[in-house]
């Protein structure tokens, strides 16, 4: 059986692919840490009995954590409903 650390290492590319478009505006290390939190959350919530690859499942967790970090790090707080 594959350990959780191995799964995280194999899917680390998801974090890098998502944060690559934001590194000009935000610190790369902070984005990486937030992305890895999303990857860990995806790993903890993933159910293997569904017909979904882990990378597809984890993509939305990582994207959600990164966008939440970006939204909350703005100086001016705007409602999530107003930002589209």
C-alpha atoms as a PDB file:
ATOM      1  CA  UNK A   1       0.000   0.000   0.000  1.00  0.00           C
ATOM      2  CA  UNK A   2       1.259   3.471  -0.879  1.00  0.00           C
ATOM      3  CA  UNK A   3       1.947   5.760   2.067  1.00  0.00           C
ATOM      4  CA  UNK A   4       0.371   9.186   2.350  1.00  0.00           C
ATOM      5  CA  UNK A   5       3.746  10.912   2.010  1.00  0.00           C
ATOM      6  CA  UNK A   6       4.340   9.184  -1.322  1.00  0.00           C
ATOM      7  CA  UNK A   7       0.923  10.225  -2.608  1.00  0.00           C
ATOM      8  CA  UNK A   8       1.629  13.834  -1.629  1.00  0.00           C
ATOM      9  CA  UNK A   9       5.010  13.771  -3.377  1.00  0.00           C
ATOM     10  CA  UNK A  10       3.555  12.242  -6.546  1.00  0.00           C
ATOM     11  CA  UNK A  11       0.805  14.881  -6.734  1.00  0.00           C
ATOM     12  CA  UNK A  12       2.852  17.895  -5.723  1.00  0.00           C
ATOM     13  CA  UNK A  13       2.816  18.998  -9.355  1.00  0.00           C
ATOM     14  CA  UNK A  14      -0.853  19.965  -8.923  1.00  0.00           C
ATOM     15  CA  UNK A  15       0.139  22.591  -6.371  1.00  0.00           C
ATOM     16  CA  UNK A  16       2.883  23.977  -8.601  1.00  0.00           C
ATOM     17  CA  UNK A  17       0.607  24.133 -11.635  1.00  0.00           C
ATOM     18  CA  UNK A  18      -2.051  26.113  -9.745  1.00  0.00           C
ATOM     19  CA  UNK A  19       0.252  28.533  -7.937  1.00  0.00           C
ATOM     20  CA  UNK A  20       2.345  29.278 -11.025  1.00  0.00           C
ATOM     21  CA  UNK A  21      -0.053  31.979 -12.211  1.00  0.00           C
ATOM     22  CA  UNK A  22      -0.075  33.781  -8.847  1.00  0.00           C
ATOM     23  CA  UNK A  23       3.634  33.822  -7.928  1.00  0.00           C
ATOM     24  CA  UNK A  24       4.136  37.264  -9.451  1.00  0.00           C
ATOM     25  CA  UNK A  25       1.635  38.791  -7.019  1.00  0.00           C
ATOM     26  CA  UNK A  26       2.073  36.620  -3.911  1.00  0.00           C
ATOM     27  CA  UNK A  27       4.962  34.879  -2.168  1.00  0.00           C
ATOM     28  CA  UNK A  28       5.637  31.482  -3.745  1.00  0.00           C
ATOM     29  CA  UNK A  29       6.379  29.790  -0.405  1.00  0.00           C
ATOM     30  CA  UNK A  30       3.099  30.964   1.118  1.00  0.00           C
ATOM     31  CA  UNK A  31       1.138  29.791  -1.907  1.00  0.00           C
ATOM     32  CA  UNK A  32       2.939  26.439  -1.808  1.00  0.00           C
ATOM     33  CA  UNK A  33       2.088  25.903   1.848  1.00  0.00           C
ATOM     34  CA  UNK A  34      -1.557  26.783   1.294  1.00  0.00           C
ATOM     35  CA  UNK A  35      -1.682  24.504  -1.736  1.00  0.00           C
ATOM     36  CA  UNK A  36      -0.193  21.625   0.233  1.00  0.00           C
ATOM     37  CA  UNK A  37      -2.850  22.121   2.918  1.00  0.00           C
ATOM     38  CA  UNK A  38      -5.447  21.687   0.186  1.00  0.00           C
ATOM     39  CA  UNK A  39      -3.674  18.565  -1.060  1.00  0.00           C
ATOM     40  CA  UNK A  40      -3.604  17.090   2.454  1.00  0.00           C
ATOM     41  CA  UNK A  41      -7.303  17.871   2.922  1.00  0.00           C
ATOM     42  CA  UNK A  42      -8.051  16.169  -0.385  1.00  0.00           C
ATOM     43  CA  UNK A  43      -6.065  13.102   0.675  1.00  0.00           C
ATOM     44  CA  UNK A  44      -7.928  12.892   3.990  1.00  0.00           C
ATOM     45  CA  UNK A  45     -11.350  13.173   2.318  1.00  0.00           C
ATOM     46  CA  UNK A  46     -10.699  11.017  -0.761  1.00  0.00           C
ATOM     47  CA  UNK A  47     -12.739   7.847  -1.098  1.00  0.00           C
ATOM     48  CA  UNK A  48     -11.135   5.299  -3.404  1.00  0.00           C
ATOM     49  CA  UNK A  49     -14.415   3.488  -4.122  1.00  0.00           C
ATOM     50  CA  UNK A  50     -15.603   6.289  -6.423  1.00  0.00           C
ATOM     51  CA  UNK A  51     -14.558   6.334 -10.089  1.00  0.00           C
ATOM     52  CA  UNK A  52     -12.437   9.466  -9.769  1.00  0.00           C
ATOM     53  CA  UNK A  53      -8.673   9.791 -10.024  1.00  0.00           C
ATOM     54  CA  UNK A  54      -7.054  11.358  -6.977  1.00  0.00           C
ATOM     55  CA  UNK A  55      -5.402  14.094  -9.033  1.00  0.00           C
ATOM     56  CA  UNK A  56      -8.764  15.205 -10.444  1.00  0.00           C
ATOM     57  CA  UNK A  57     -10.279  15.168  -6.980  1.00  0.00           C
ATOM     58  CA  UNK A  58      -7.364  17.028  -5.385  1.00  0.00           C
ATOM     59  CA  UNK A  59      -7.225  19.760  -8.029  1.00  0.00           C
ATOM     60  CA  UNK A  60     -10.364  21.444  -6.727  1.00  0.00           C
ATOM     61  CA  UNK A  61      -9.245  21.227  -3.093  1.00  0.00           C
ATOM     62  CA  UNK A  62      -5.920  22.882  -3.906  1.00  0.00           C
ATOM     63  CA  UNK A  63      -7.557  25.504  -6.116  1.00  0.00           C
ATOM     64  CA  UNK A  64     -10.090  26.262  -3.391  1.00  0.00           C
ATOM     65  CA  UNK A  65      -7.433  26.741  -0.712  1.00  0.00           C
ATOM     66  CA  UNK A  66      -5.287  28.968  -2.934  1.00  0.00           C
ATOM     67  CA  UNK A  67      -8.199  31.174  -4.018  1.00  0.00           C
ATOM     68  CA  UNK A  68      -9.392  31.420  -0.405  1.00  0.00           C
ATOM     69  CA  UNK A  69      -5.900  32.555   0.643  1.00  0.00           C
ATOM     70  CA  UNK A  70      -5.775  35.136  -2.156  1.00  0.00           C
ATOM     71  CA  UNK A  71      -9.256  36.419  -1.352  1.00  0.00           C
ATOM     72  CA  UNK A  72      -8.504  36.732   2.377  1.00  0.00           C
ATOM     73  CA  UNK A  73      -5.102  38.369   1.903  1.00  0.00           C
ATOM     74  CA  UNK A  74      -6.511  41.408   0.107  1.00  0.00           C
ATOM     75  CA  UNK A  75      -6.402  44.696   1.999  1.00  0.00           C
ATOM     76  CA  UNK A  76      -9.910  45.614   0.936  1.00  0.00           C
ATOM     77  CA  UNK A  77     -12.430  42.998   2.032  1.00  0.00           C
ATOM     78  CA  UNK A  78     -15.068  42.305  -0.608  1.00  0.00           C
ATOM     79  CA  UNK A  79     -17.894  39.828  -0.284  1.00  0.00           C
ATOM     80  CA  UNK A  80     -17.369  36.540  -2.121  1.00  0.00           C
ATOM     81  CA  UNK A  81     -20.744  37.028  -3.801  1.00  0.00           C
ATOM     82  CA  UNK A  82     -19.583  40.280  -5.423  1.00  0.00           C
ATOM     83  CA  UNK A  83     -16.327  38.871  -6.819  1.00  0.00           C
ATOM     84  CA  UNK A  84     -16.874  36.810  -9.962  1.00  0.00           C
END
